Amino acid sequence: MVSAGVCLQGKGLLHFVQEKSKVNADYYVNELQPKLMDDCHHLLGQHFIFQQDGAPAHAAKLTQQWLAAHCPDFIDKDAWPPNSPDLNPLDYHVWGWMLDKFNCLNPHPKNIPELKTMLLMIWDKLPQKAIRKSIISFRKRLRACINAKSGHFEYKL
């Protein structure tokens, strides 16, 4: 598994989950969240709103408490619409773009180190223009989410 962040100003690093690790709240807060915050500070300084989706590790009490203590502003789990992967630019654009590029690789990686190398190469080639376009579409997606009463709406776009 891999974690990352994107914004209008750029993209963070790819952060690989350690093999055989379960991404629960403890792992997320101690291993991934500090790295993601470092990426945010590097790209945006102190002025950003941190958005994540409703994954159990993201919505956990421990994670919400950590964010309240370490993040200048974030979207609280109670303000995040349920069933809404359609509101996360990584889900509705970035991971699909990366999968398309991965599927074009020949030969495919044969082991984990090769896979990580290929994913880093693909990530480096991810155009900022495409990220910006996906983030700018966020307002349209928010309107669709509201119209769908926080349900799935991707099919309506």
Protein backbone atom coordinates (compact mmCIF):
# COMPACT_ATOMS: atom_id res chain seq x y z
CA MET A 1 0.00 0.00 0.00
CA VAL A 2 1.01 3.56 -0.58
CA SER A 3 -0.04 6.96 0.71
CA ALA A 4 0.44 10.43 -0.75
CA GLY A 5 -1.02 13.89 -0.96
CA VAL A 6 -1.68 16.40 -3.72
CA CYS A 7 -2.62 20.07 -3.86
CA LEU A 8 -2.80 22.92 -6.35
CA GLN A 9 0.82 23.82 -5.63
CA GLY A 10 2.32 20.35 -6.08
CA LYS A 11 2.41 16.82 -4.82
CA GLY A 12 3.98 15.24 -1.79
CA LEU A 13 6.10 12.15 -1.73
CA LEU A 14 4.88 8.59 -2.11
CA HIS A 15 4.95 6.94 1.30
CA PHE A 16 5.03 3.16 1.21
CA VAL A 17 3.39 1.20 3.99
CA GLN A 18 5.81 -1.24 5.55
CA GLU A 19 5.29 -4.80 4.36
CA LYS A 20 2.88 -6.85 6.47
CA SER A 21 1.72 -3.73 8.33
CA LYS A 22 -1.92 -3.09 9.00
CA VAL A 23 -2.91 0.54 8.53
CA ASN A 24 -4.87 1.05 11.71
CA ALA A 25 -5.09 4.35 13.60
CA ASP A 26 -1.86 3.71 15.52
CA TYR A 27 0.14 3.00 12.36
CA TYR A 28 -1.45 5.90 10.51
CA VAL A 29 -0.76 8.42 13.28
CA ASN A 30 2.77 7.25 14.06
CA GLU A 31 4.07 6.32 10.61
CA LEU A 32 2.10 8.04 7.85
CA GLN A 33 0.48 11.15 9.30
CA PRO A 34 3.76 12.91 10.27
CA LYS A 35 5.14 12.31 6.76
CA LEU A 36 1.97 13.63 5.14
CA MET A 37 2.08 16.71 7.40
CA ASP A 38 5.73 17.28 6.42
CA ASP A 39 4.66 17.18 2.77
CA CYS A 40 1.90 19.72 3.44
CA HIS A 41 4.24 22.08 5.28
CA HIS A 42 6.85 21.75 2.54
CA LEU A 43 4.32 22.58 -0.20
CA LEU A 44 2.10 25.07 1.61
CA GLY A 45 3.83 26.36 4.73
CA GLN A 46 1.41 26.75 7.62
CA HIS A 47 -1.70 27.62 5.61
CA PHE A 48 -3.63 24.57 4.43
CA ILE A 49 -6.72 22.52 5.14
CA PHE A 50 -5.97 18.83 5.45
CA GLN A 51 -8.48 16.55 3.74
CA GLN A 52 -8.66 12.81 3.96
CA ASP A 53 -11.38 10.31 3.26
CA GLY A 54 -13.48 8.21 5.60
CA ALA A 55 -11.11 5.23 5.87
CA PRO A 56 -11.31 3.71 9.35
CA ALA A 57 -7.75 4.79 10.23
CA HIS A 58 -8.59 8.35 9.15
CA ALA A 59 -11.84 8.55 11.10
CA ALA A 60 -10.47 6.95 14.27
CA LYS A 61 -10.54 8.95 17.49
CA LEU A 62 -6.74 8.76 17.82
CA THR A 63 -6.27 10.22 14.32
CA GLN A 64 -8.80 13.00 14.88
CA GLN A 65 -7.08 13.91 18.17
CA TRP A 66 -3.65 13.89 16.50
CA LEU A 67 -4.88 16.15 13.70
CA ALA A 68 -6.47 18.56 16.18
CA ALA A 69 -3.11 18.86 17.95
CA HIS A 70 -0.78 18.96 14.90
CA CYS A 71 -2.68 20.40 11.96
CA PRO A 72 -3.63 24.05 11.45
CA ASP A 73 -6.97 23.09 9.91
CA PHE A 74 -8.55 19.82 8.80
CA ILE A 75 -11.91 18.44 7.80
CA ASP A 76 -13.22 16.60 10.84
CA LYS A 77 -14.63 13.12 10.33
CA ASP A 78 -18.09 14.34 11.34
CA ALA A 79 -18.01 16.96 8.56
CA TRP A 80 -16.93 14.42 5.95
CA PRO A 81 -19.81 12.95 3.90
CA PRO A 82 -20.17 9.18 4.20
CA ASN A 83 -19.67 7.04 1.11
CA SER A 84 -17.71 9.77 -0.63
CA PRO A 85 -14.54 8.53 -2.33
CA ASP A 86 -15.72 10.71 -5.22
CA LEU A 87 -14.50 13.75 -3.23
CA ASN A 88 -10.88 12.68 -2.87
CA PRO A 89 -8.67 13.76 -5.84
CA LEU A 90 -6.39 10.79 -5.21
CA ASP A 91 -9.34 8.42 -5.61
CA TYR A 92 -11.15 10.13 -8.46
CA HIS A 93 -8.09 10.95 -10.53
CA VAL A 94 -4.54 10.25 -9.35
CA TRP A 95 -4.66 6.53 -8.55
CA GLY A 96 -6.52 5.82 -11.81
CA TRP A 97 -3.94 7.80 -13.80
CA MET A 98 -1.14 5.86 -12.10
CA LEU A 99 -2.87 2.53 -12.77
CA ASP A 100 -3.21 3.39 -16.47
CA LYS A 101 0.54 4.15 -16.65
CA PHE A 102 1.38 1.01 -14.69
CA ASN A 103 -0.67 -1.16 -17.04
CA CYS A 104 1.37 0.20 -19.96
CA LEU A 105 4.63 -1.00 -18.43
CA ASN A 106 6.38 -3.85 -20.16
CA PRO A 107 7.68 -5.88 -18.46
CA HIS A 108 5.80 -5.55 -15.21
CA PRO A 109 7.81 -5.52 -11.97
CA LYS A 110 8.71 -8.94 -10.65
CA ASN A 111 9.15 -8.10 -6.97
CA ILE A 112 8.37 -5.45 -4.34
CA PRO A 113 11.55 -3.36 -4.82
CA GLU A 114 10.94 -3.22 -8.59
CA LEU A 115 7.30 -2.29 -7.98
CA LYS A 116 8.29 0.56 -5.66
CA THR A 117 10.82 1.83 -8.21
CA MET A 118 8.19 1.78 -10.97
CA LEU A 119 5.59 3.51 -8.81
CA LEU A 120 8.08 6.24 -7.90
CA MET A 121 8.89 6.70 -11.59
CA ILE A 122 5.18 6.96 -12.48
CA TRP A 123 4.55 9.35 -9.56
CA ASP A 124 7.39 11.61 -10.70
CA LYS A 125 5.78 11.83 -14.16
CA LEU A 126 2.32 12.70 -12.82
CA PRO A 127 1.66 16.09 -14.43
CA GLN A 128 0.75 18.93 -12.08
CA LYS A 129 -1.65 20.25 -14.72
CA ALA A 130 -3.78 17.12 -14.33
CA ILE A 131 -3.69 17.38 -10.53
CA ARG A 132 -4.79 21.03 -10.71
CA LYS A 133 -7.65 20.14 -13.04
CA SER A 134 -8.88 17.40 -10.70
CA ILE A 135 -8.71 19.70 -7.67
CA ILE A 136 -10.49 22.52 -9.48
CA SER A 137 -13.34 20.09 -10.23
CA PHE A 138 -13.81 19.73 -6.46
CA ARG A 139 -16.58 22.38 -6.24
CA LYS A 140 -18.57 20.61 -8.94
CA ARG A 141 -18.14 17.37 -7.03
CA LEU A 142 -19.22 19.00 -3.76
CA ARG A 143 -22.42 20.26 -5.43
CA ALA A 144 -23.10 16.78 -6.81
CA CYS A 145 -22.50 15.27 -3.36
CA ILE A 146 -24.96 17.69 -1.78
CA ASN A 147 -27.55 16.94 -4.48
CA ALA A 148 -27.04 13.21 -3.85
CA LYS A 149 -27.57 13.80 -0.11
CA SER A 150 -23.97 12.67 0.61
CA GLY A 151 -24.41 9.43 -1.33
CA HIS A 152 -22.51 8.20 -4.36
CA PHE A 153 -22.68 10.62 -7.27
CA GLU A 154 -19.83 9.78 -9.66
CA TYR A 155 -22.31 8.45 -12.19
CA LYS A 156 -24.02 11.89 -12.25
CA LEU A 157 -20.92 13.84 -13.32
